[in-house]
Each structure stands twice: as structure tokens, then as C-alpha cells.
């Protein structure tokens, strides 16, 4: 798995369910933008960048392949989000 070298949090204004957007740098070589920090019925969670398809559903444009990789990204984003308060 690539090393997470930077996480940037961009908090949103307002009372919607999107609380912030995040950018994650991997190995100081790639940046993934459009990661969302959302608040739902079960608390805060992280959504990967996605796009709306013609049929109205959403498809991730970036997603980790393994559970370990997903957990690493989610944990880094949530940590940075909590530290930005």
C-alpha cells in the first residue's frame, strides 16, 4: 500500500450532511481529491470520490481494493478531520 504522506481537510459551511472534503497525498506522488466526510444516522463516515451515472446511481472513481487500504485512508481522513476542529 502506498504511504499516506498528507491529508488536507476543507470544511464545508452550512448544516448539510457533507461536513468536509479531503485530499489525500500518496507517496508524495499522487493526490486523491473529492473524498467526503459525511454525517449520517450512525455518525461520521468517509465516502470515496464518485460521479453520478446516467441512470442516477453513483460510481466511485477511486476506491481502495483491500479492506486494509480502505481502513488506512478512512482512519487518516477521520483523524485529520477531528484535529481540524
Protein backbone atom coordinates (compact mmCIF):
# COMPACT_ATOMS: atom_id res chain seq x y z
CA UNK A 1 0.00 0.00 0.00
CA UNK A 2 1.19 3.48 -0.79
CA UNK A 3 2.15 5.62 2.18
CA UNK A 4 -0.22 8.45 3.08
CA UNK A 5 2.04 11.50 3.13
CA UNK A 6 -0.51 14.30 3.57
CA UNK A 7 -4.20 14.78 4.36
CA UNK A 8 -5.92 18.13 3.87
CA UNK A 9 -9.38 18.90 5.20
CA UNK A 10 -11.70 21.52 3.68
CA UNK A 11 -14.67 22.04 5.99
CA UNK A 12 -18.00 22.99 4.44
CA UNK A 13 -20.29 25.74 5.64
CA UNK A 14 -23.91 25.05 6.43
CA UNK A 15 -25.85 22.26 8.05
CA UNK A 16 -25.89 19.62 5.29
CA UNK A 17 -24.69 16.06 5.70
CA UNK A 18 -21.34 16.76 3.97
CA UNK A 19 -19.14 18.11 6.76
CA UNK A 20 -15.89 18.40 4.80
CA UNK A 21 -13.94 17.40 1.72
CA UNK A 22 -10.50 15.85 1.95
CA UNK A 23 -7.48 15.44 -0.30
CA UNK A 24 -5.05 12.59 0.40
CA UNK A 25 -1.49 12.51 -0.95
CA UNK A 26 0.02 9.08 -1.58
CA UNK A 27 3.82 8.68 -1.58
CA UNK A 28 4.16 12.42 -2.36
CA UNK A 29 3.36 11.41 -5.95
CA UNK A 30 -0.43 11.14 -6.28
CA UNK A 31 -3.31 13.17 -4.83
CA UNK A 32 -6.85 11.88 -4.44
CA UNK A 33 -9.35 14.74 -4.24
CA UNK A 34 -13.07 14.67 -3.58
CA UNK A 35 -13.09 12.38 -0.56
CA UNK A 36 -16.10 13.36 1.58
CA UNK A 37 -16.59 13.41 5.34
CA UNK A 38 -20.31 12.88 5.90
CA UNK A 39 -22.62 12.70 8.89
CA UNK A 40 -25.36 10.11 8.85
CA UNK A 41 -27.68 8.40 11.29
CA UNK A 42 -24.81 6.26 12.60
CA UNK A 43 -22.31 9.12 12.92
CA UNK A 44 -19.40 10.41 10.86
CA UNK A 45 -18.20 8.35 7.88
CA UNK A 46 -15.98 8.75 4.82
CA UNK A 47 -17.14 8.50 1.20
CA UNK A 48 -14.77 7.99 -1.71
CA UNK A 49 -14.85 10.30 -4.75
CA UNK A 50 -17.70 9.37 -7.06
CA UNK A 51 -19.63 10.52 -10.10
CA UNK A 52 -23.28 10.28 -10.98
CA UNK A 53 -24.05 7.85 -13.81
CA UNK A 54 -26.73 8.24 -16.49
CA UNK A 55 -29.14 6.04 -14.53
CA UNK A 56 -28.81 8.27 -11.44
CA UNK A 57 -26.67 5.93 -9.36
CA UNK A 58 -23.19 6.82 -8.12
CA UNK A 59 -19.96 5.09 -9.07
CA UNK A 60 -16.68 5.51 -7.19
CA UNK A 61 -13.91 6.98 -9.35
CA UNK A 62 -11.31 5.98 -6.76
CA UNK A 63 -11.57 3.18 -4.25
CA UNK A 64 -9.13 1.03 -2.29
CA UNK A 65 -9.09 -2.62 -3.32
CA UNK A 66 -8.49 -4.14 0.11
CA UNK A 67 -10.18 -3.56 3.47
CA UNK A 68 -6.79 -2.71 4.98
CA UNK A 69 -6.15 0.01 2.39
CA UNK A 70 -9.66 1.45 2.87
CA UNK A 71 -9.24 1.47 6.66
CA UNK A 72 -5.88 3.23 6.33
CA UNK A 73 -7.36 6.03 4.22
CA UNK A 74 -10.55 6.36 6.28
CA UNK A 75 -8.63 6.48 9.56
CA UNK A 76 -6.20 9.11 8.25
CA UNK A 77 -9.06 11.30 6.96
CA UNK A 78 -11.08 11.00 10.19
CA UNK A 79 -8.01 11.77 12.31
CA UNK A 80 -7.26 14.90 10.27
CA UNK A 81 -10.94 15.92 10.38
CA UNK A 82 -11.08 15.64 14.18
CA UNK A 83 -7.80 17.55 14.55
CA UNK A 84 -9.14 20.38 12.35
CA UNK A 85 -11.96 21.21 14.81
